[in-house]
Amino acid sequence: MKRFISAWNRTSLIKRIAIGVVIGAILGLLIPKITVIGLLGDMFVGGLKAIAPLLVSALVANALSQTREGQQSNMKTVIVLYLFGTFAAALTAVISHYIFPISLKLGAASATKAAAPQGIGEVFKDLMLKMVDNPINALSQANYIGVLVWSVVFGFAMRTASEHTKELLHTLAEVTSQIVRINLAPFGILGLVFDTISKNGVGVLADYGVLILVLVGTMTFVALVINPIIAFVMMGKNPFPLVFRCLKDSGITAFFTRSSAANIPVNLQLCEDLGLNPDTYLVSIPLGSTINMAGAAVTINVLTLAAVTTLGIEVDFATAFILSVVSTISACGASGIAGGSLLLVPVACSLFGISNDLAMQVVGVGFIVGVIQDSCETALNSSTDVLFTAVAEKSRWKKS
């Protein structure tokens, strides 16, 4: 047993996760009724989500409290890359619509009763209210916008505190980071894969195969073409080693956890392994899990334009361009949890006069394909957080 444990610990995390995926899929097919196996996945993601708000708060406040006047940071470049990357992904989804138009069977889709925003104004209102939420409530409700805002406020306020107080905050950040070490990820992902296979089987998504192919294909194109082009322009050198490293180390775990927030510890570790500046990534990674939502923008545009095609509405490119702007802004308000982008589809549908009832049927379709869509969306979102953080820093190295 000791030899087995030793060999297991020496195996790379990616290989251990791959083993967990295979075992989870086999168990899901052979013994789907042993639901206790799926509990491993629920506990894994639940634990990460529970500690993630405190982790974000401690890391961001600690990082900002240690900064000094004139200290170099790449945050402006990172934020520009986040927003531009999300818009580029939204525009890519528009182009994919013109190449592969999709019609939906809305009558067969079960409408969801969840409340969706009624317009872009409501999205802005919700964002503003989240920013000034009670900090304790923001932590308890996993309101990451509020957590980030208050962490920034406290972090800058702590810059004038005594060294002893700063050391205490630094210790809190270190302790919180130790709690979320990801050695249990293979077992959690085993449970998640088991739960997905045992509940849905392997053929449940056949009726929506074309929609899934367009969603996944567009996200793949963004990950392997659009993002590398952006990275190449910024760095002036081959971006693919960095792109593949981010997809392998961050995208794979995000694919199974289906939560950008839950993947924050993985991204922080990857940034450390890449030798990036902690003054930047300790802020940019939590921020990216909230506003860097290329996958969400793709989902919003693909589903909205599918609804438009289904209803026979003609859309010129100028209108589709405006849709990309709206979906970019809306995606920034998408939650960092599974399915967060789907409830923003009615906002985009409203641009074309589509009723809320029909829009919510489109959301229902989104939930049906969410087993694949949300996993790929989160993998793109989360891996791009690290990619753009690294690109911003490496572009600065190029100029210096």
Protein backbone atom coordinates (compact mmCIF):
# COMPACT_ATOMS: atom_id res chain seq x y z
CA MET A 1 0.00 0.00 0.00
CA LYS A 2 2.83 2.43 0.87
CA ARG A 3 4.46 1.68 -2.48
CA PHE A 4 1.17 2.38 -4.28
CA ILE A 5 0.66 5.67 -2.40
CA SER A 6 4.22 6.72 -3.13
CA ALA A 7 3.80 5.95 -6.84
CA TRP A 8 0.49 7.82 -6.88
CA ASN A 9 2.04 10.91 -5.33
CA ARG A 10 4.89 10.85 -7.86
CA THR A 11 2.45 10.74 -10.78
CA SER A 12 1.66 14.12 -12.34
CA LEU A 13 -1.68 15.70 -11.46
CA ILE A 14 -2.88 15.60 -15.09
CA LYS A 15 -2.26 11.84 -15.30
CA ARG A 16 -4.05 11.29 -11.99
CA ILE A 17 -7.01 13.31 -13.26
CA ALA A 18 -7.06 11.25 -16.48
CA ILE A 19 -7.16 8.07 -14.39
CA GLY A 20 -10.05 9.54 -12.40
CA VAL A 21 -11.95 10.36 -15.60
CA VAL A 22 -11.57 6.83 -16.98
CA ILE A 23 -12.53 5.12 -13.73
CA GLY A 24 -15.49 7.49 -13.22
CA ALA A 25 -16.80 6.82 -16.74
CA ILE A 26 -16.45 3.03 -16.34
CA LEU A 27 -18.21 3.05 -12.97
CA GLY A 28 -20.95 5.31 -14.35
CA LEU A 29 -21.69 2.80 -17.09
CA LEU A 30 -21.37 -0.37 -14.96
CA ILE A 31 -22.89 0.62 -11.61
CA PRO A 32 -24.91 3.82 -12.20
CA LYS A 33 -27.17 3.20 -9.20
CA ILE A 34 -24.36 3.43 -6.64
CA THR A 35 -24.96 7.16 -6.25
CA VAL A 36 -22.61 7.50 -3.30
CA ILE A 37 -19.72 7.60 -5.80
CA GLY A 38 -21.10 10.84 -7.22
CA LEU A 39 -20.96 12.31 -3.73
CA LEU A 40 -17.17 12.59 -4.14
CA GLY A 41 -17.70 15.10 -6.92
CA ASP A 42 -20.34 17.07 -5.04
CA MET A 43 -18.10 17.31 -1.99
CA PHE A 44 -15.08 18.33 -4.05
CA VAL A 45 -16.80 21.16 -5.92
CA GLY A 46 -18.83 22.16 -2.86
CA GLY A 47 -15.69 22.46 -0.76
CA LEU A 48 -13.90 24.57 -3.37
CA LYS A 49 -16.91 26.85 -3.78
CA ALA A 50 -17.20 27.23 -0.01
CA ILE A 51 -13.61 28.34 0.51
CA ALA A 52 -13.19 30.27 -2.78
CA PRO A 53 -14.74 33.59 -1.59
CA LEU A 54 -12.49 33.68 1.49
CA LEU A 55 -9.50 32.69 -0.66
CA VAL A 56 -10.19 35.51 -3.13
CA SER A 57 -10.65 38.05 -0.34
CA ALA A 58 -7.48 37.07 1.52
CA LEU A 59 -5.26 36.86 -1.57
CA VAL A 60 -6.42 40.10 -3.20
CA ALA A 61 -6.29 42.13 0.03
CA ASN A 62 -2.86 40.73 0.90
CA ALA A 63 -1.45 41.39 -2.59
CA LEU A 64 -2.65 45.01 -2.65
CA SER A 65 -1.53 45.70 0.92
CA GLN A 66 2.05 44.82 -0.06
CA THR A 67 2.20 47.17 -3.05
CA ARG A 68 4.16 50.41 -2.99
CA GLU A 69 4.02 53.66 -4.92
CA GLY A 70 5.56 53.23 -8.38
CA GLN A 71 5.55 49.42 -8.21
CA GLN A 72 5.15 47.91 -11.66
CA SER A 73 1.97 45.99 -12.40
CA ASN A 74 0.36 44.63 -15.55
CA MET A 75 -3.25 44.92 -14.42
CA LYS A 76 -4.27 47.52 -17.01
CA THR A 77 -2.98 45.31 -19.82
CA VAL A 78 -4.64 42.24 -18.31
CA ILE A 79 -8.04 43.95 -18.06
CA VAL A 80 -7.83 45.19 -21.66
CA LEU A 81 -6.96 41.66 -22.79
CA TYR A 82 -9.87 40.21 -20.78
CA LEU A 83 -12.39 42.57 -22.37
CA PHE A 84 -10.98 42.41 -25.90
CA GLY A 85 -10.70 38.60 -25.74
CA THR A 86 -14.33 38.29 -24.64
CA PHE A 87 -15.49 40.59 -27.45
CA ALA A 88 -13.39 38.69 -30.01
CA ALA A 89 -15.00 35.43 -28.87
CA ALA A 90 -18.49 36.97 -29.19
CA LEU A 91 -17.71 38.16 -32.71
CA THR A 92 -16.37 34.71 -33.60
CA ALA A 93 -19.71 33.22 -32.52
CA VAL A 94 -21.49 35.64 -34.88
CA ILE A 95 -19.31 34.52 -37.80
CA SER A 96 -19.94 30.86 -36.94
CA HIS A 97 -23.69 31.60 -37.11
CA TYR A 98 -23.39 32.81 -40.71
CA ILE A 99 -21.37 29.72 -41.64
CA PHE A 100 -23.42 27.16 -39.66
CA PRO A 101 -26.96 28.52 -39.03
CA ILE A 102 -28.89 26.47 -36.47
CA SER A 103 -32.60 25.99 -35.82
CA LEU A 104 -33.94 24.81 -32.46
CA LYS A 105 -36.89 22.63 -31.52
CA LEU A 106 -38.25 25.05 -28.95
CA GLY A 107 -41.48 23.15 -28.45
CA ALA A 108 -39.53 20.12 -27.20
CA ALA A 109 -37.39 22.09 -24.78
CA SER A 110 -38.51 22.39 -21.20
CA ALA A 111 -38.68 26.01 -20.09
CA THR A 112 -36.93 26.86 -16.87
CA LYS A 113 -38.59 28.84 -14.09
CA ALA A 114 -35.41 30.67 -13.11
CA ALA A 115 -35.59 34.45 -13.21
CA ALA A 116 -33.63 36.07 -16.01
CA PRO A 117 -32.66 39.75 -16.34
CA GLN A 118 -35.14 41.82 -18.35
CA GLY A 119 -32.56 43.95 -20.15
CA ILE A 120 -29.02 45.25 -20.27
CA GLY A 121 -30.01 48.00 -17.84
CA GLU A 122 -30.90 45.38 -15.25
CA VAL A 123 -27.56 43.69 -15.77
CA PHE A 124 -25.80 47.00 -15.05
CA LYS A 125 -28.01 47.59 -12.03
CA ASP A 126 -27.25 44.14 -10.62
CA LEU A 127 -23.52 44.71 -11.14
CA MET A 128 -23.61 48.05 -9.31
CA LEU A 129 -25.60 46.61 -6.41
CA LYS A 130 -23.25 43.64 -6.15
CA MET A 131 -20.31 46.04 -5.86
CA VAL A 132 -21.72 47.68 -2.72
CA ASP A 133 -23.08 44.54 -1.10
CA ASN A 134 -22.37 44.02 2.59
CA PRO A 135 -18.89 42.43 2.68
CA ILE A 136 -19.97 39.66 5.07
CA ASN A 137 -22.99 38.89 2.91
CA ALA A 138 -20.80 38.96 -0.21
CA LEU A 139 -18.56 36.29 1.34
CA SER A 140 -21.44 34.11 2.50
CA GLN A 141 -23.37 34.36 -0.78
CA ALA A 142 -20.28 33.98 -3.01
CA ASN A 143 -20.89 37.39 -4.60
CA TYR A 144 -17.47 37.67 -6.26
CA ILE A 145 -18.04 41.18 -7.57
CA GLY A 146 -18.65 42.37 -4.01
CA VAL A 147 -15.81 40.28 -2.62
CA LEU A 148 -13.38 41.76 -5.15
CA VAL A 149 -14.48 45.35 -4.56
CA TRP A 150 -14.22 45.13 -0.77
CA SER A 151 -10.93 43.23 -0.99
CA VAL A 152 -9.49 46.03 -3.12
CA VAL A 153 -10.77 48.64 -0.65
CA PHE A 154 -9.34 46.83 2.37
CA GLY A 155 -6.13 45.98 0.51
CA PHE A 156 -5.36 49.59 -0.34
CA ALA A 157 -6.39 50.70 3.17
CA MET A 158 -3.98 48.17 4.66
CA ARG A 159 -1.02 49.68 2.77
CA THR A 160 -0.58 52.14 5.64
CA ALA A 161 -0.99 49.51 8.37
CA SER A 162 1.88 48.28 10.55
CA GLU A 163 4.15 45.50 9.33
CA HIS A 164 2.80 43.22 12.07
CA THR A 165 -0.75 43.68 10.77
CA LYS A 166 0.37 43.06 7.20
CA GLU A 167 2.15 39.91 8.31
CA LEU A 168 -1.08 38.69 9.90
CA LEU A 169 -2.93 39.27 6.62
CA HIS A 170 -0.14 37.50 4.73
CA THR A 171 -0.42 34.53 7.09
CA LEU A 172 -4.18 34.37 6.52
CA ALA A 173 -3.61 34.28 2.77
CA GLU A 174 -1.00 31.52 3.13
CA VAL A 175 -3.21 29.40 5.40
CA THR A 176 -6.20 29.77 3.10
CA SER A 177 -4.05 28.75 0.13
CA GLN A 178 -2.91 25.62 1.96
CA ILE A 179 -6.53 24.60 2.56
CA VAL A 180 -7.32 24.50 -1.15
CA ARG A 181 -4.41 22.36 -2.31
CA ILE A 182 -5.73 20.29 -5.20
CA ASN A 183 -4.35 16.82 -4.39
CA LEU A 184 -7.90 15.49 -4.01
CA ALA A 185 -8.91 16.72 -7.49
CA PRO A 186 -8.66 13.26 -9.18
CA PHE A 187 -11.13 11.74 -6.71
CA GLY A 188 -13.51 14.69 -7.01
CA ILE A 189 -13.41 14.55 -10.80
CA LEU A 190 -13.98 10.78 -10.67
CA GLY A 191 -17.22 11.51 -8.82
CA LEU A 192 -18.23 14.27 -11.25
CA VAL A 193 -17.71 12.06 -14.31
CA PHE A 194 -19.59 9.20 -12.64
CA ASP A 195 -22.51 11.51 -11.84
CA THR A 196 -22.70 12.81 -15.42
CA ILE A 197 -22.51 9.37 -17.08
CA SER A 198 -24.87 7.63 -14.63
CA LYS A 199 -27.57 10.30 -14.95
CA ASN A 200 -27.36 11.13 -18.65
CA GLY A 201 -25.81 8.12 -20.34
CA VAL A 202 -23.79 8.60 -23.50
CA GLY A 203 -26.60 9.20 -26.03
CA VAL A 204 -28.85 11.71 -24.29
CA LEU A 205 -27.43 14.65 -26.26
CA ALA A 206 -27.91 13.14 -29.73
CA ASP A 207 -30.93 15.34 -30.57
CA TYR A 208 -28.86 18.46 -30.01
CA GLY A 209 -25.68 17.21 -31.66
CA VAL A 210 -25.41 20.04 -34.23
CA LEU A 211 -25.86 22.73 -31.58
CA ILE A 212 -23.21 21.09 -29.40
CA LEU A 213 -20.81 20.84 -32.33
CA VAL A 214 -21.21 24.55 -33.15
CA LEU A 215 -20.78 25.59 -29.51
CA VAL A 216 -17.76 23.38 -28.90
CA GLY A 217 -16.28 24.10 -32.33
CA THR A 218 -16.54 27.87 -31.82
CA MET A 219 -14.97 27.68 -28.36
CA THR A 220 -12.19 25.46 -29.71
CA PHE A 221 -11.53 27.96 -32.50
CA VAL A 222 -11.30 30.77 -29.94
CA ALA A 223 -8.90 28.72 -27.79
CA LEU A 224 -6.64 27.54 -30.62
CA VAL A 225 -6.82 30.40 -33.13
CA ILE A 226 -8.19 33.68 -31.73
CA ASN A 227 -6.36 33.58 -28.38
CA PRO A 228 -3.03 32.53 -29.95
CA ILE A 229 -3.31 35.42 -32.45
CA ILE A 230 -3.86 37.88 -29.58
CA ALA A 231 -0.96 36.33 -27.67
CA PHE A 232 1.34 36.47 -30.70
CA VAL A 233 0.57 40.13 -31.34
CA MET A 234 1.34 40.95 -27.69
CA MET A 235 4.44 38.77 -27.26
CA GLY A 236 5.89 38.63 -30.76
CA LYS A 237 6.76 34.94 -30.50
CA ASN A 238 5.21 31.48 -30.81
CA PRO A 239 2.30 31.45 -28.32
CA PHE A 240 1.30 27.78 -28.60
CA PRO A 241 3.55 26.32 -25.85
CA LEU A 242 1.92 28.76 -23.40
CA VAL A 243 -1.57 28.19 -24.84
CA PHE A 244 -1.29 24.40 -24.57
CA ARG A 245 0.17 24.63 -21.05
CA CYS A 246 -2.81 26.72 -19.90
CA LEU A 247 -5.31 24.39 -21.55
CA LYS A 248 -3.63 21.31 -20.07
CA ASP A 249 -3.08 22.51 -16.52
CA SER A 250 -6.09 24.79 -16.11
CA GLY A 251 -8.61 23.88 -18.81
CA ILE A 252 -8.83 20.17 -17.97
CA THR A 253 -9.71 20.67 -14.30
CA ALA A 254 -12.09 23.53 -15.17
CA PHE A 255 -13.83 21.26 -17.70
CA PHE A 256 -14.85 18.88 -14.93
CA THR A 257 -15.50 21.31 -12.06
CA ARG A 258 -17.57 23.55 -14.39
CA SER A 259 -16.83 26.54 -12.15
CA SER A 260 -14.34 29.34 -12.78
CA ALA A 261 -14.48 30.18 -9.07
CA ALA A 262 -13.68 26.61 -8.04
CA ASN A 263 -10.72 26.61 -10.44
CA ILE A 264 -9.05 29.67 -8.89
CA PRO A 265 -6.61 27.58 -6.78
CA VAL A 266 -5.52 25.65 -9.89
CA ASN A 267 -4.87 28.88 -11.79
CA LEU A 268 -2.93 30.44 -8.92
CA GLN A 269 -0.69 27.38 -8.76
CA LEU A 270 -0.15 27.47 -12.53
CA CYS A 271 0.79 31.16 -12.41
CA GLU A 272 3.31 30.35 -9.68
CA ASP A 273 4.72 27.48 -11.77
CA LEU A 274 5.06 29.84 -14.74
CA GLY A 275 7.06 32.25 -12.60
CA LEU A 276 4.63 35.14 -13.01
CA ASN A 277 4.53 38.21 -10.80
CA PRO A 278 2.32 37.48 -7.75
CA ASP A 279 1.47 41.20 -7.43
CA THR A 280 -0.41 40.78 -10.70
CA TYR A 281 -1.79 37.25 -10.70
CA LEU A 282 -3.10 37.31 -7.13
CA VAL A 283 -5.49 40.01 -8.34
CA SER A 284 -5.93 39.13 -12.03
CA ILE A 285 -6.93 35.49 -11.50
CA PRO A 286 -9.84 36.18 -9.10
CA LEU A 287 -10.85 39.11 -11.31
CA GLY A 288 -10.69 36.94 -14.42
CA SER A 289 -13.01 34.34 -12.88
CA THR A 290 -15.61 37.13 -12.77
CA ILE A 291 -15.15 39.25 -15.92
CA ASN A 292 -13.07 37.18 -18.38
CA MET A 293 -15.88 35.21 -19.98
CA ALA A 294 -15.07 34.38 -23.60
CA GLY A 295 -16.91 31.06 -23.35
CA ALA A 296 -19.97 32.75 -21.89
CA ALA A 297 -20.02 35.28 -24.75
CA VAL A 298 -19.91 32.41 -27.26
CA THR A 299 -22.79 30.63 -25.51
CA ILE A 300 -24.95 33.77 -25.37
CA ASN A 301 -24.43 34.62 -29.05
CA VAL A 302 -24.78 31.08 -30.44
CA LEU A 303 -28.03 30.38 -28.55
CA THR A 304 -29.48 33.82 -29.29
CA LEU A 305 -28.74 33.63 -33.01
CA ALA A 306 -30.09 30.06 -33.09
CA ALA A 307 -33.36 31.42 -31.68
CA VAL A 308 -33.30 34.21 -34.29
CA THR A 309 -32.84 31.66 -37.11
CA THR A 310 -35.62 29.46 -35.70
CA LEU A 311 -38.07 32.37 -35.74
CA GLY A 312 -37.04 33.46 -39.23
CA ILE A 313 -35.70 36.87 -38.17
CA GLU A 314 -33.24 38.47 -40.59
CA VAL A 315 -30.08 39.79 -38.93
CA ASP A 316 -27.57 42.03 -40.67
CA PHE A 317 -23.94 42.11 -39.57
CA ALA A 318 -24.26 45.56 -37.95
CA THR A 319 -26.98 44.26 -35.64
CA ALA A 320 -24.94 41.15 -34.92
CA PHE A 321 -21.99 43.41 -34.07
CA ILE A 322 -24.14 45.27 -31.52
CA LEU A 323 -25.21 41.87 -30.16
CA SER A 324 -21.51 41.07 -29.62
CA VAL A 325 -21.06 44.25 -27.58
CA VAL A 326 -24.12 43.44 -25.47
CA SER A 327 -23.06 39.82 -24.93
CA THR A 328 -19.56 40.98 -23.92
CA ILE A 329 -20.99 43.29 -21.28
CA SER A 330 -23.51 40.68 -20.17
CA ALA A 331 -20.86 37.95 -19.99
CA CYS A 332 -18.91 40.09 -17.52
CA GLY A 333 -21.92 39.79 -15.24
CA ALA A 334 -22.17 36.02 -15.62
CA SER A 335 -21.70 34.15 -12.38
CA GLY A 336 -18.55 32.11 -11.81
CA ILE A 337 -20.60 28.97 -11.28
CA ALA A 338 -22.05 26.27 -13.52
CA GLY A 339 -24.68 27.57 -15.95
CA GLY A 340 -24.07 31.21 -15.11
CA SER A 341 -24.21 32.43 -18.72
CA LEU A 342 -27.51 30.84 -19.73
CA LEU A 343 -29.77 33.21 -17.82
CA LEU A 344 -28.25 36.10 -19.76
CA VAL A 345 -29.53 34.72 -23.07
CA PRO A 346 -32.93 36.47 -22.67
CA VAL A 347 -31.10 39.81 -22.40
CA ALA A 348 -29.56 39.25 -25.84
CA CYS A 349 -32.82 37.86 -27.24
CA SER A 350 -34.61 41.04 -26.24
CA LEU A 351 -32.56 42.94 -28.86
CA PHE A 352 -34.56 41.12 -31.53
CA GLY A 353 -37.96 41.46 -29.86
CA ILE A 354 -38.07 37.80 -28.83
CA SER A 355 -40.53 37.31 -25.97
CA ASN A 356 -39.26 36.23 -22.57
CA ASP A 357 -41.27 32.99 -22.74
CA LEU A 358 -39.56 31.93 -25.97
CA ALA A 359 -36.19 33.11 -24.68
CA MET A 360 -36.57 30.98 -21.58
CA GLN A 361 -37.27 27.95 -23.79
CA VAL A 362 -33.89 28.66 -25.40
CA VAL A 363 -32.41 28.72 -21.89
CA GLY A 364 -34.05 25.32 -21.38
CA VAL A 365 -32.22 24.00 -24.44
CA GLY A 366 -29.03 25.45 -22.97
CA PHE A 367 -29.51 23.47 -19.79
CA ILE A 368 -30.07 20.29 -21.80
CA VAL A 369 -26.75 20.65 -23.63
CA GLY A 370 -25.10 22.10 -20.54
CA VAL A 371 -23.35 18.83 -19.73
CA ILE A 372 -20.97 19.57 -22.60
CA GLN A 373 -21.48 23.30 -23.23
CA ASP A 374 -20.84 24.48 -19.69
CA SER A 375 -17.78 22.27 -19.29
CA CYS A 376 -16.17 23.61 -22.48
CA GLU A 377 -17.22 27.16 -21.64
CA THR A 378 -15.58 27.01 -18.21
CA ALA A 379 -12.43 25.41 -19.60
CA LEU A 380 -12.06 28.28 -22.10
CA ASN A 381 -12.86 30.96 -19.52
CA SER A 382 -10.53 29.67 -16.82
CA SER A 383 -7.54 28.75 -19.00
CA THR A 384 -7.71 32.19 -20.64
CA ASP A 385 -7.39 33.84 -17.22
CA VAL A 386 -3.87 32.44 -16.90
CA LEU A 387 -3.06 32.89 -20.59
CA PHE A 388 -3.80 36.63 -20.65
CA THR A 389 -2.13 37.19 -17.29
CA ALA A 390 1.03 35.56 -18.65
CA VAL A 391 0.76 37.35 -22.01
CA ALA A 392 0.50 40.74 -20.30
CA GLU A 393 3.66 40.05 -18.31
CA LYS A 394 5.62 38.58 -21.21
CA SER A 395 4.67 41.51 -23.42
CA ARG A 396 6.16 43.82 -20.79
CA TRP A 397 9.36 41.74 -20.80
CA LYS A 398 9.48 42.17 -24.58
CA LYS A 399 9.28 45.95 -24.33
CA SER A 400 11.79 46.27 -21.48
